[in-house]
Amino acid sequence: MDLADLETTKFISQKEFEIFEEKLNQLIANQKLIKVGDDTLRNFDCYLYQSFDNNKIYCLSVPDNSWRGFFLNYEKAKRHIINLKKLDKQKSTGCLFSLFLIILITLIGIIFKNYL
């Protein structure tokens, strides 16, 4: 089993994660992978694993409620988190802009209502 085949940017369901976890545990039991520690990768908690085949470090972020987690090599995980943070920032900016428009339209409505 190749670790690249296990890489994912998100676990679609809890069942998918459980199947992944079984494969991960099998790799550990077969001494293909070892847990080397924990990390807070840009405020995302990750479990770090090292492959005996290629010495790469892999990062597992466990799904929790709406957070779908991921399993990626360390470099891909860093890029993935940067992209997620960019998306969150864009969503926040969009929400603030929408709120501003609602307040502006409400104020304009109140002002014109008073003049009529």
PDB file of N, CA and C in Angstrom:
ATOM      1  N   MET A   1       0.850  -1.176   0.000  1.00  0.00           N
ATOM      2  CA  MET A   1       0.000   0.000   0.000  1.00  0.00           C
ATOM      3  C   MET A   1       0.898   1.242   0.000  1.00  0.00           C
ATOM      4  N   ASP A   2       0.657   2.130  -0.948  1.00  0.00           N
ATOM      5  CA  ASP A   2       1.450   3.347  -1.080  1.00  0.00           C
ATOM      6  C   ASP A   2       0.791   4.474  -0.288  1.00  0.00           C
ATOM      7  N   LEU A   3       1.594   5.207   0.467  1.00  0.00           N
ATOM      8  CA  LEU A   3       1.050   6.309   1.269  1.00  0.00           C
ATOM      9  C   LEU A   3       0.423   7.393   0.404  1.00  0.00           C
ATOM     10  N   ALA A   4       0.949   7.597  -0.788  1.00  0.00           N
ATOM     11  CA  ALA A   4       0.375   8.603  -1.686  1.00  0.00           C
ATOM     12  C   ALA A   4      -1.081   8.267  -2.016  1.00  0.00           C
ATOM     13  N   ASP A   5      -1.406   6.982  -2.034  1.00  0.00           N
ATOM     14  CA  ASP A   5      -2.789   6.568  -2.303  1.00  0.00           C
ATOM     15  C   ASP A   5      -3.721   6.922  -1.151  1.00  0.00           C
ATOM     16  N   LEU A   6      -3.171   7.051   0.044  1.00  0.00           N
ATOM     17  CA  LEU A   6      -3.985   7.386   1.217  1.00  0.00           C
ATOM     18  C   LEU A   6      -4.187   8.893   1.387  1.00  0.00           C
ATOM     19  N   GLU A   7      -3.371   9.695   0.700  1.00  0.00           N
ATOM     20  CA  GLU A   7      -3.460  11.143   0.884  1.00  0.00           C
ATOM     21  C   GLU A   7      -4.836  11.661   0.474  1.00  0.00           C
ATOM     22  N   THR A   8      -5.354  12.580   1.283  1.00  0.00           N
ATOM     23  CA  THR A   8      -6.652  13.186   1.008  1.00  0.00           C
ATOM     24  C   THR A   8      -6.711  14.572   1.634  1.00  0.00           C
ATOM     25  N   THR A   9      -7.415  15.477   0.965  1.00  0.00           N
ATOM     26  CA  THR A   9      -7.580  16.828   1.512  1.00  0.00           C
ATOM     27  C   THR A   9      -8.768  16.912   2.452  1.00  0.00           C
ATOM     28  N   LYS A  10      -9.610  15.872   2.457  1.00  0.00           N
ATOM     29  CA  LYS A  10     -10.706  15.817   3.433  1.00  0.00           C
ATOM     30  C   LYS A  10     -11.313  14.421   3.440  1.00  0.00           C
ATOM     31  N   PHE A  11     -11.839  14.063   4.589  1.00  0.00           N
ATOM     32  CA  PHE A  11     -12.550  12.796   4.737  1.00  0.00           C
ATOM     33  C   PHE A  11     -14.035  13.106   4.573  1.00  0.00           C
ATOM     34  N   ILE A  12     -14.653  12.500   3.580  1.00  0.00           N
ATOM     35  CA  ILE A  12     -16.043  12.807   3.238  1.00  0.00           C
ATOM     36  C   ILE A  12     -17.002  12.442   4.370  1.00  0.00           C
ATOM     37  N   SER A  13     -16.714  11.350   5.057  1.00  0.00           N
ATOM     38  CA  SER A  13     -17.616  10.884   6.113  1.00  0.00           C
ATOM     39  C   SER A  13     -16.806  10.256   7.244  1.00  0.00           C
ATOM     40  N   GLN A  14     -17.477  10.016   8.336  1.00  0.00           N
ATOM     41  CA  GLN A  14     -16.832   9.339   9.465  1.00  0.00           C
ATOM     42  C   GLN A  14     -16.434   7.923   9.072  1.00  0.00           C
ATOM     43  N   LYS A  15     -17.279   7.272   8.281  1.00  0.00           N
ATOM     44  CA  LYS A  15     -16.990   5.909   7.821  1.00  0.00           C
ATOM     45  C   LYS A  15     -15.713   5.884   6.984  1.00  0.00           C
ATOM     46  N   GLU A  16     -15.561   6.872   6.093  1.00  0.00           N
ATOM     47  CA  GLU A  16     -14.349   6.945   5.270  1.00  0.00           C
ATOM     48  C   GLU A  16     -13.114   7.110   6.158  1.00  0.00           C
ATOM     49  N   PHE A  17     -13.242   7.928   7.209  1.00  0.00           N
ATOM     50  CA  PHE A  17     -12.111   8.113   8.120  1.00  0.00           C
ATOM     51  C   PHE A  17     -11.790   6.818   8.862  1.00  0.00           C
ATOM     52  N   GLU A  18     -12.814   6.083   9.271  1.00  0.00           N
ATOM     53  CA  GLU A  18     -12.585   4.825   9.985  1.00  0.00           C
ATOM     54  C   GLU A  18     -11.860   3.810   9.102  1.00  0.00           C
ATOM     55  N   ILE A  19     -12.230   3.753   7.828  1.00  0.00           N
ATOM     56  CA  ILE A  19     -11.547   2.861   6.882  1.00  0.00           C
ATOM     57  C   ILE A  19     -10.089   3.301   6.719  1.00  0.00           C
ATOM     58  N   PHE A  20      -9.887   4.615   6.579  1.00  0.00           N
ATOM     59  CA  PHE A  20      -8.532   5.164   6.485  1.00  0.00           C
ATOM     60  C   PHE A  20      -7.720   4.792   7.724  1.00  0.00           C
ATOM     61  N   GLU A  21      -8.341   4.946   8.896  1.00  0.00           N
ATOM     62  CA  GLU A  21      -7.650   4.678  10.163  1.00  0.00           C
ATOM     63  C   GLU A  21      -7.201   3.214  10.256  1.00  0.00           C
ATOM     64  N   GLU A  22      -8.035   2.308   9.757  1.00  0.00           N
ATOM     65  CA  GLU A  22      -7.657   0.887   9.736  1.00  0.00           C
ATOM     66  C   GLU A  22      -6.414   0.669   8.871  1.00  0.00           C
ATOM     67  N   LYS A  23      -6.391   1.320   7.699  1.00  0.00           N
ATOM     68  CA  LYS A  23      -5.237   1.198   6.806  1.00  0.00           C
ATOM     69  C   LYS A  23      -3.991   1.804   7.447  1.00  0.00           C
ATOM     70  N   LEU A  24      -4.164   2.936   8.107  1.00  0.00           N
ATOM     71  CA  LEU A  24      -3.049   3.594   8.791  1.00  0.00           C
ATOM     72  C   LEU A  24      -2.484   2.686   9.883  1.00  0.00           C
ATOM     73  N   ASN A  25      -3.363   2.103  10.682  1.00  0.00           N
ATOM     74  CA  ASN A  25      -2.928   1.193  11.749  1.00  0.00           C
ATOM     75  C   ASN A  25      -2.230  -0.044  11.184  1.00  0.00           C
ATOM     76  N   GLN A  26      -2.694  -0.501  10.026  1.00  0.00           N
ATOM     77  CA  GLN A  26      -2.058  -1.646   9.376  1.00  0.00           C
ATOM     78  C   GLN A  26      -0.633  -1.278   8.930  1.00  0.00           C
ATOM     79  N   LEU A  27      -0.454  -0.074   8.396  1.00  0.00           N
ATOM     80  CA  LEU A  27       0.881   0.379   7.991  1.00  0.00           C
ATOM     81  C   LEU A  27       1.816   0.486   9.193  1.00  0.00           C
ATOM     82  N   ILE A  28       1.276   0.945  10.313  1.00  0.00           N
ATOM     83  CA  ILE A  28       2.077   1.045  11.537  1.00  0.00           C
ATOM     84  C   ILE A  28       2.456  -0.355  12.023  1.00  0.00           C
ATOM     85  N   ALA A  29       1.490  -1.272  12.008  1.00  0.00           N
ATOM     86  CA  ALA A  29       1.752  -2.650  12.451  1.00  0.00           C
ATOM     87  C   ALA A  29       2.783  -3.339  11.555  1.00  0.00           C
ATOM     88  N   ASN A  30       2.766  -3.011  10.255  1.00  0.00           N
ATOM     89  CA  ASN A  30       3.717  -3.601   9.307  1.00  0.00           C
ATOM     90  C   ASN A  30       5.039  -2.835   9.259  1.00  0.00           C
ATOM     91  N   GLN A  31       5.208  -1.904  10.160  1.00  0.00           N
ATOM     92  CA  GLN A  31       6.421  -1.087  10.279  1.00  0.00           C
ATOM     93  C   GLN A  31       6.769  -0.347   8.985  1.00  0.00           C
ATOM     94  N   LYS A  32       5.736   0.149   8.323  1.00  0.00           N
ATOM     95  CA  LYS A  32       5.920   0.999   7.138  1.00  0.00           C
ATOM     96  C   LYS A  32       5.834   2.471   7.525  1.00  0.00           C
ATOM     97  N   LEU A  33       5.295   2.706   8.728  1.00  0.00           N
ATOM     98  CA  LEU A  33       5.005   4.065   9.178  1.00  0.00           C
ATOM     99  C   LEU A  33       5.146   4.107  10.691  1.00  0.00           C
ATOM    100  N   ILE A  34       5.610   5.229  11.204  1.00  0.00           N
ATOM    101  CA  ILE A  34       5.723   5.387  12.653  1.00  0.00           C
ATOM    102  C   ILE A  34       5.240   6.783  13.026  1.00  0.00           C
ATOM    103  N   LYS A  35       4.516   6.847  14.146  1.00  0.00           N
ATOM    104  CA  LYS A  35       4.096   8.157  14.648  1.00  0.00           C
ATOM    105  C   LYS A  35       5.310   8.820  15.291  1.00  0.00           C
ATOM    106  N   VAL A  36       5.592  10.058  14.861  1.00  0.00           N
ATOM    107  CA  VAL A  36       6.785  10.745  15.371  1.00  0.00           C
ATOM    108  C   VAL A  36       6.448  11.946  16.244  1.00  0.00           C
ATOM    109  N   GLY A  37       5.170  12.256  16.392  1.00  0.00           N
ATOM    110  CA  GLY A  37       4.821  13.360  17.279  1.00  0.00           C
ATOM    111  C   GLY A  37       3.566  14.082  16.856  1.00  0.00           C
ATOM    112  N   ASP A  38       3.358  15.196  17.522  1.00  0.00           N
ATOM    113  CA  ASP A  38       2.219  16.062  17.243  1.00  0.00           C
ATOM    114  C   ASP A  38       2.763  17.417  16.812  1.00  0.00           C
ATOM    115  N   ASP A  39       1.937  18.170  16.124  1.00  0.00           N
ATOM    116  CA  ASP A  39       2.344  19.500  15.682  1.00  0.00           C
ATOM    117  C   ASP A  39       1.110  20.375  15.607  1.00  0.00           C
ATOM    118  N   THR A  40       1.321  21.647  15.815  1.00  0.00           N
ATOM    119  CA  THR A  40       0.261  22.612  15.560  1.00  0.00           C
ATOM    120  C   THR A  40       0.690  23.358  14.312  1.00  0.00           C
ATOM    121  N   LEU A  41       0.195  22.895  13.184  1.00  0.00           N
ATOM    122  CA  LEU A  41       0.569  23.433  11.881  1.00  0.00           C
ATOM    123  C   LEU A  41      -0.346  24.603  11.567  1.00  0.00           C
ATOM    124  N   ARG A  42       0.142  25.812  11.842  1.00  0.00           N
ATOM    125  CA  ARG A  42      -0.645  27.035  11.616  1.00  0.00           C
ATOM    126  C   ARG A  42      -2.008  26.940  12.295  1.00  0.00           C
ATOM    127  N   ASN A  43      -1.997  26.561  13.556  1.00  0.00           N
ATOM    128  CA  ASN A  43      -3.185  26.452  14.408  1.00  0.00           C
ATOM    129  C   ASN A  43      -4.078  25.263  14.073  1.00  0.00           C
ATOM    130  N   PHE A  44      -3.609  24.320  13.292  1.00  0.00           N
ATOM    131  CA  PHE A  44      -4.331  23.087  13.036  1.00  0.00           C
ATOM    132  C   PHE A  44      -3.570  21.965  13.735  1.00  0.00           C
ATOM    133  N   ASP A  45      -4.250  21.240  14.615  1.00  0.00           N
ATOM    134  CA  ASP A  45      -3.593  20.132  15.311  1.00  0.00           C
ATOM    135  C   ASP A  45      -3.403  18.961  14.351  1.00  0.00           C
ATOM    136  N   CYS A  46      -2.197  18.444  14.313  1.00  0.00           N
ATOM    137  CA  CYS A  46      -1.864  17.336  13.417  1.00  0.00           C
ATOM    138  C   CYS A  46      -1.052  16.289  14.159  1.00  0.00           C
ATOM    139  N   TYR A  47      -1.255  15.043  13.761  1.00  0.00           N
ATOM    140  CA  TYR A  47      -0.391  13.954  14.196  1.00  0.00           C
ATOM    141  C   TYR A  47       0.608  13.727  13.066  1.00  0.00           C
ATOM    142  N   LEU A  48       1.865  13.622  13.415  1.00  0.00           N
ATOM    143  CA  LEU A  48       2.914  13.458  12.411  1.00  0.00           C
ATOM    144  C   LEU A  48       3.372  12.007  12.350  1.00  0.00           C
ATOM    145  N   TYR A  49       3.495  11.502  11.134  1.00  0.00           N
ATOM    146  CA  TYR A  49       3.951  10.140  10.887  1.00  0.00           C
ATOM    147  C   TYR A  49       5.104  10.187   9.897  1.00  0.00           C
ATOM    148  N   GLN A  50       6.057   9.275  10.074  1.00  0.00           N
ATOM    149  CA  GLN A  50       7.174   9.200   9.140  1.00  0.00           C
ATOM    150  C   GLN A  50       7.139   7.863   8.421  1.00  0.00           C
ATOM    151  N   SER A  51       7.310   7.935   7.112  1.00  0.00           N
ATOM    152  CA  SER A  51       7.351   6.739   6.285  1.00  0.00           C
ATOM    153  C   SER A  51       8.747   6.134   6.329  1.00  0.00           C
ATOM    154  N   PHE A  52       8.824   4.813   6.484  1.00  0.00           N
ATOM    155  CA  PHE A  52      10.120   4.142   6.435  1.00  0.00           C
ATOM    156  C   PHE A  52      10.600   3.978   4.993  1.00  0.00           C
ATOM    157  N   ASP A  53       9.653   4.012   4.040  1.00  0.00           N
ATOM    158  CA  ASP A  53      10.021   3.827   2.631  1.00  0.00           C
ATOM    159  C   ASP A  53      10.758   5.033   2.056  1.00  0.00           C
ATOM    160  N   ASN A  54      10.233   6.240   2.324  1.00  0.00           N
ATOM    161  CA  ASN A  54      10.824   7.427   1.703  1.00  0.00           C
ATOM    162  C   ASN A  54      11.227   8.510   2.716  1.00  0.00           C
ATOM    163  N   ASN A  55      11.078   8.220   3.990  1.00  0.00           N
ATOM    164  CA  ASN A  55      11.408   9.149   5.085  1.00  0.00           C
ATOM    165  C   ASN A  55      10.587  10.435   5.077  1.00  0.00           C
ATOM    166  N   LYS A  56       9.531  10.496   4.287  1.00  0.00           N
ATOM    167  CA  LYS A  56       8.672  11.680   4.281  1.00  0.00           C
ATOM    168  C   LYS A  56       7.844  11.737   5.558  1.00  0.00           C
ATOM    169  N   ILE A  57       7.537  12.950   5.961  1.00  0.00           N
ATOM    170  CA  ILE A  57       6.660  13.178   7.102  1.00  0.00           C
ATOM    171  C   ILE A  57       5.256  13.428   6.567  1.00  0.00           C
ATOM    172  N   TYR A  58       4.283  12.773   7.179  1.00  0.00           N
ATOM    173  CA  TYR A  58       2.879  12.939   6.807  1.00  0.00           C
ATOM    174  C   TYR A  58       2.120  13.528   7.984  1.00  0.00           C
ATOM    175  N   CYS A  59       1.127  14.322   7.666  1.00  0.00           N
ATOM    176  CA  CYS A  59       0.353  15.038   8.677  1.00  0.00           C
ATOM    177  C   CYS A  59      -1.100  14.559   8.629  1.00  0.00           C
ATOM    178  N   LEU A  60      -1.600  14.104   9.768  1.00  0.00           N
ATOM    179  CA  LEU A  60      -2.998  13.690   9.889  1.00  0.00           C
ATOM    180  C   LEU A  60      -3.732  14.688  10.770  1.00  0.00           C
ATOM    181  N   SER A  61      -4.738  15.318  10.198  1.00  0.00           N
ATOM    182  CA  SER A  61      -5.647  16.163  10.958  1.00  0.00           C
ATOM    183  C   SER A  61      -6.964  15.402  11.048  1.00  0.00           C
ATOM    184  N   VAL A  62      -7.356  15.060  12.253  1.00  0.00           N
ATOM    185  CA  VAL A  62      -8.521  14.203  12.483  1.00  0.00           C
ATOM    186  C   VAL A  62      -9.810  15.007  12.290  1.00  0.00           C
ATOM    187  N   PRO A  63     -10.794  14.438  11.565  1.00  0.00           N
ATOM    188  CA  PRO A  63     -12.064  15.147  11.404  1.00  0.00           C
ATOM    189  C   PRO A  63     -12.785  15.309  12.739  1.00  0.00           C
ATOM    190  N   ASP A  64     -13.486  16.419  12.866  1.00  0.00           N
ATOM    191  CA  ASP A  64     -14.208  16.728  14.099  1.00  0.00           C
ATOM    192  C   ASP A  64     -15.394  17.612  13.743  1.00  0.00           C
ATOM    193  N   ASN A  65     -16.598  17.092  13.918  1.00  0.00           N
ATOM    194  CA  ASN A  65     -17.825  17.813  13.565  1.00  0.00           C
ATOM    195  C   ASN A  65     -17.766  18.264  12.108  1.00  0.00           C
ATOM    196  N   SER A  66     -17.844  19.569  11.838  1.00  0.00           N
ATOM    197  CA  SER A  66     -17.856  20.027  10.448  1.00  0.00           C
ATOM    198  C   SER A  66     -16.457  20.044   9.830  1.00  0.00           C
ATOM    199  N   TRP A  67     -15.407  20.003  10.647  1.00  0.00           N
ATOM    200  CA  TRP A  67     -14.043  19.934  10.124  1.00  0.00           C
ATOM    201  C   TRP A  67     -13.807  18.536   9.572  1.00  0.00           C
ATOM    202  N   ARG A  68     -13.424  18.427   8.310  1.00  0.00           N
ATOM    203  CA  ARG A  68     -13.305  17.129   7.654  1.00  0.00           C
ATOM    204  C   ARG A  68     -11.899  16.540   7.704  1.00  0.00           C
ATOM    205  N   GLY A  69     -10.927  17.254   8.251  1.00  0.00           N
ATOM    206  CA  GLY A  69      -9.584  16.718   8.414  1.00  0.00           C
ATOM    207  C   GLY A  69      -8.857  16.519   7.094  1.00  0.00           C
ATOM    208  N   PHE A  70      -7.649  15.943   7.175  1.00  0.00           N
ATOM    209  CA  PHE A  70      -6.868  15.626   5.981  1.00  0.00           C
ATOM    210  C   PHE A  70      -5.718  14.700   6.355  1.00  0.00           C
ATOM    211  N   PHE A  71      -5.133  14.067   5.344  1.00  0.00           N
ATOM    212  CA  PHE A  71      -3.900  13.301   5.499  1.00  0.00           C
ATOM    213  C   PHE A  71      -3.046  13.603   4.280  1.00  0.00           C
ATOM    214  N   LEU A  72      -1.965  14.357   4.501  1.00  0.00           N
ATOM    215  CA  LEU A  72      -1.101  14.801   3.410  1.00  0.00           C
ATOM    216  C   LEU A  72       0.348  14.781   3.869  1.00  0.00           C
ATOM    217  N   ASN A  73       1.269  14.711   2.897  1.00  0.00           N
ATOM    218  CA  ASN A  73       2.656  14.864   3.311  1.00  0.00           C
ATOM    219  C   ASN A  73       2.823  16.288   3.826  1.00  0.00           C
ATOM    220  N   TYR A  74       3.843  16.494   4.621  1.00  0.00           N
ATOM    221  CA  TYR A  74       3.973  17.738   5.391  1.00  0.00           C
ATOM    222  C   TYR A  74       3.955  18.980   4.505  1.00  0.00           C
ATOM    223  N   GLU A  75       4.655  18.938   3.380  1.00  0.00           N
ATOM    224  CA  GLU A  75       4.697  20.114   2.490  1.00  0.00           C
ATOM    225  C   GLU A  75       3.324  20.401   1.895  1.00  0.00           C
ATOM    226  N   LYS A  76       2.634  19.356   1.453  1.00  0.00           N
ATOM    227  CA  LYS A  76       1.283  19.543   0.913  1.00  0.00           C
ATOM    228  C   LYS A  76       0.337  20.040   2.001  1.00  0.00           C
ATOM    229  N   ALA A  77       0.514  19.546   3.214  1.00  0.00           N
ATOM    230  CA  ALA A  77      -0.344  19.967   4.332  1.00  0.00           C
ATOM    231  C   ALA A  77      -0.181  21.457   4.598  1.00  0.00           C
ATOM    232  N   LYS A  78       1.062  21.951   4.563  1.00  0.00           N
ATOM    233  CA  LYS A  78       1.286  23.383   4.778  1.00  0.00           C
ATOM    234  C   LYS A  78       0.585  24.207   3.701  1.00  0.00           C
ATOM    235  N   ARG A  79       0.720  23.790   2.433  1.00  0.00           N
ATOM    236  CA  ARG A  79       0.052  24.517   1.333  1.00  0.00           C
ATOM    237  C   ARG A  79      -1.466  24.439   1.467  1.00  0.00           C
ATOM    238  N   HIS A  80      -1.958  23.264   1.852  1.00  0.00           N
ATOM    239  CA  HIS A  80      -3.403  23.068   2.007  1.00  0.00           C
ATOM    240  C   HIS A  80      -3.962  24.008   3.079  1.00  0.00           C
ATOM    241  N   ILE A  81      -3.275  24.123   4.186  1.00  0.00           N
ATOM    242  CA  ILE A  81      -3.732  24.990   5.275  1.00  0.00           C
ATOM    243  C   ILE A  81      -3.691  26.455   4.857  1.00  0.00           C
ATOM    244  N   ILE A  82      -2.648  26.852   4.138  1.00  0.00           N
ATOM    245  CA  ILE A  82      -2.581  28.234   3.636  1.00  0.00           C
ATOM    246  C   ILE A  82      -3.779  28.513   2.734  1.00  0.00           C
ATOM    247  N   ASN A  83      -4.106  27.569   1.849  1.00  0.00           N
ATOM    248  CA  ASN A  83      -5.266  27.743   0.963  1.00  0.00           C
ATOM    249  C   ASN A  83      -6.569  27.811   1.747  1.00  0.00           C
ATOM    250  N   LEU A  84      -6.708  26.976   2.778  1.00  0.00           N
ATOM    251  CA  LEU A  84      -7.921  27.008   3.603  1.00  0.00           C
ATOM    252  C   LEU A  84      -8.070  28.354   4.299  1.00  0.00           C
ATOM    253  N   LYS A  85      -6.966  28.887   4.790  1.00  0.00           N
ATOM    254  CA  LYS A  85      -7.015  30.185   5.473  1.00  0.00           C
ATOM    255  C   LYS A  85      -7.376  31.301   4.497  1.00  0.00           C
ATOM    256  N   LYS A  86      -6.886  31.218   3.257  1.00  0.00           N
ATOM    257  CA  LYS A  86      -7.248  32.207   2.235  1.00  0.00           C
ATOM    258  C   LYS A  86      -8.748  32.149   1.960  1.00  0.00           C
ATOM    259  N   LEU A  87      -9.275  30.936   1.830  1.00  0.00           N
ATOM    260  CA  LEU A  87     -10.712  30.777   1.584  1.00  0.00           C
ATOM    261  C   LEU A  87     -11.533  31.334   2.738  1.00  0.00           C
ATOM    262  N   ASP A  88     -11.109  31.062   3.970  1.00  0.00           N
ATOM    263  CA  ASP A  88     -11.814  31.593   5.141  1.00  0.00           C
ATOM    264  C   ASP A  88     -11.802  33.111   5.139  1.00  0.00           C
ATOM    265  N   LYS A  89     -10.671  33.693   4.776  1.00  0.00           N
ATOM    266  CA  LYS A  89     -10.559  35.150   4.739  1.00  0.00           C
ATOM    267  C   LYS A  89     -11.488  35.725   3.674  1.00  0.00           C
ATOM    268  N   GLN A  90     -11.546  35.062   2.506  1.00  0.00           N
ATOM    269  CA  GLN A  90     -12.436  35.518   1.443  1.00  0.00           C
ATOM    270  C   GLN A  90     -13.895  35.429   1.885  1.00  0.00           C
ATOM    271  N   LYS A  91     -14.247  34.344   2.559  1.00  0.00           N
ATOM    272  CA  LYS A  91     -15.620  34.196   3.048  1.00  0.00           C
ATOM    273  C   LYS A  91     -15.945  35.267   4.073  1.00  0.00           C
ATOM    274  N   SER A  92     -15.008  35.559   4.968  1.00  0.00           N
ATOM    275  CA  SER A  92     -15.222  36.593   5.986  1.00  0.00           C
ATOM    276  C   SER A  92     -15.413  37.953   5.337  1.00  0.00           C
ATOM    277  N   THR A  93     -14.590  38.256   4.340  1.00  0.00           N
ATOM    278  CA  THR A  93     -14.702  39.531   3.633  1.00  0.00           C
ATOM    279  C   THR A  93     -16.052  39.621   2.934  1.00  0.00           C
ATOM    280  N   GLY A  94     -16.482  38.544   2.309  1.00  0.00           N
ATOM    281  CA  GLY A  94     -17.780  38.521   1.636  1.00  0.00           C
ATOM    282  C   GLY A  94     -18.926  38.728   2.611  1.00  0.00           C
ATOM    283  N   CYS A  95     -18.848  38.110   3.785  1.00  0.00           N
ATOM    284  CA  CYS A  95     -19.891  38.271   4.806  1.00  0.00           C
ATOM    285  C   CYS A  95     -19.932  39.702   5.320  1.00  0.00           C
ATOM    286  N   LEU A  96     -18.772  40.291   5.559  1.00  0.00           N
ATOM    287  CA  LEU A  96     -18.727  41.681   6.031  1.00  0.00           C
ATOM    288  C   LEU A  96     -19.291  42.629   4.983  1.00  0.00           C
ATOM    289  N   PHE A  97     -18.966  42.394   3.717  1.00  0.00           N
ATOM    290  CA  PHE A  97     -19.490  43.233   2.645  1.00  0.00           C
ATOM    291  C   PHE A  97     -21.011  43.104   2.563  1.00  0.00           C
ATOM    292  N   SER A  98     -21.522  41.882   2.680  1.00  0.00           N
ATOM    293  CA  SER A  98     -22.977  41.667   2.651  1.00  0.00           C
ATOM    294  C   SER A  98     -23.653  42.371   3.819  1.00  0.00           C
ATOM    295  N   LEU A  99     -23.066  42.282   4.996  1.00  0.00           N
ATOM    296  CA  LEU A  99     -23.608  42.959   6.170  1.00  0.00           C
ATOM    297  C   LEU A  99     -23.613  44.467   5.966  1.00  0.00           C
ATOM    298  N   PHE A 100     -22.537  45.002   5.418  1.00  0.00           N
ATOM    299  CA  PHE A 100     -22.452  46.431   5.129  1.00  0.00           C
ATOM    300  C   PHE A 100     -23.562  46.854   4.176  1.00  0.00           C
ATOM    301  N   LEU A 101     -23.802  46.072   3.119  1.00  0.00           N
ATOM    302  CA  LEU A 101     -24.862  46.400   2.160  1.00  0.00           C
ATOM    303  C   LEU A 101     -26.239  46.382   2.812  1.00  0.00           C
ATOM    304  N   ILE A 102     -26.490  45.406   3.652  1.00  0.00           N
ATOM    305  CA  ILE A 102     -27.788  45.323   4.333  1.00  0.00           C
ATOM    306  C   ILE A 102     -28.000  46.543   5.216  1.00  0.00           C
ATOM    307  N   ILE A 103     -26.980  46.923   5.970  1.00  0.00           N
ATOM    308  CA  ILE A 103     -27.092  48.101   6.840  1.00  0.00           C
ATOM    309  C   ILE A 103     -27.290  49.356   6.003  1.00  0.00           C
ATOM    310  N   LEU A 104     -26.548  49.489   4.905  1.00  0.00           N
ATOM    311  CA  LEU A 104     -26.665  50.658   4.034  1.00  0.00           C
ATOM    312  C   LEU A 104     -28.061  50.758   3.432  1.00  0.00           C
ATOM    313  N   ILE A 105     -28.586  49.661   2.933  1.00  0.00           N
ATOM    314  CA  ILE A 105     -29.930  49.661   2.342  1.00  0.00           C
ATOM    315  C   ILE A 105     -30.974  49.991   3.397  1.00  0.00           C
ATOM    316  N   THR A 106     -30.818  49.454   4.596  1.00  0.00           N
ATOM    317  CA  THR A 106     -31.748  49.750   5.691  1.00  0.00           C
ATOM    318  C   THR A 106     -31.713  51.231   6.040  1.00  0.00           C
ATOM    319  N   LEU A 107     -30.530  51.796   6.160  1.00  0.00           N
ATOM    320  CA  LEU A 107     -30.404  53.227   6.480  1.00  0.00           C
ATOM    321  C   LEU A 107     -30.997  54.097   5.383  1.00  0.00           C
ATOM    322  N   ILE A 108     -30.743  53.753   4.130  1.00  0.00           N
ATOM    323  CA  ILE A 108     -31.321  54.517   3.018  1.00  0.00           C
ATOM    324  C   ILE A 108     -32.842  54.436   3.066  1.00  0.00           C
ATOM    325  N   GLY A 109     -33.368  53.247   3.354  1.00  0.00           N
ATOM    326  CA  GLY A 109     -34.823  53.090   3.471  1.00  0.00           C
ATOM    327  C   GLY A 109     -35.395  53.945   4.584  1.00  0.00           C
ATOM    328  N   ILE A 110     -34.739  54.001   5.722  1.00  0.00           N
ATOM    329  CA  ILE A 110     -35.208  54.813   6.856  1.00  0.00           C
ATOM    330  C   ILE A 110     -35.155  56.289   6.503  1.00  0.00           C
ATOM    331  N   ILE A 111     -34.067  56.726   5.880  1.00  0.00           N
ATOM    332  CA  ILE A 111     -33.920  58.144   5.520  1.00  0.00           C
ATOM    333  C   ILE A 111     -34.995  58.561   4.534  1.00  0.00           C
ATOM    334  N   PHE A 112     -35.203  57.785   3.469  1.00  0.00           N
ATOM    335  CA  PHE A 112     -36.211  58.151   2.472  1.00  0.00           C
ATOM    336  C   PHE A 112     -37.622  58.052   3.018  1.00  0.00           C
ATOM    337  N   LYS A 113     -37.866  57.139   3.936  1.00  0.00           N
ATOM    338  CA  LYS A 113     -39.191  57.011   4.539  1.00  0.00           C
ATOM    339  C   LYS A 113     -39.515  58.273   5.337  1.00  0.00           C
ATOM    340  N   ASN A 114     -38.535  58.843   6.019  1.00  0.00           N
ATOM    341  CA  ASN A 114     -38.744  60.062   6.808  1.00  0.00           C
ATOM    342  C   ASN A 114     -38.990  61.279   5.928  1.00  0.00           C
ATOM    343  N   TYR A 115     -38.489  61.290   4.692  1.00  0.00           N
ATOM    344  CA  TYR A 115     -38.674  62.432   3.795  1.00  0.00           C
ATOM    345  C   TYR A 115     -39.969  62.347   3.007  1.00  0.00           C
ATOM    346  N   LEU A 116     -40.610  61.213   2.979  1.00  0.00           N
ATOM    347  CA  LEU A 116     -41.852  61.072   2.202  1.00  0.00           C
ATOM    348  C   LEU A 116     -43.058  61.431   2.984  1.00  0.00           C
TER     349      LEU A 116
END
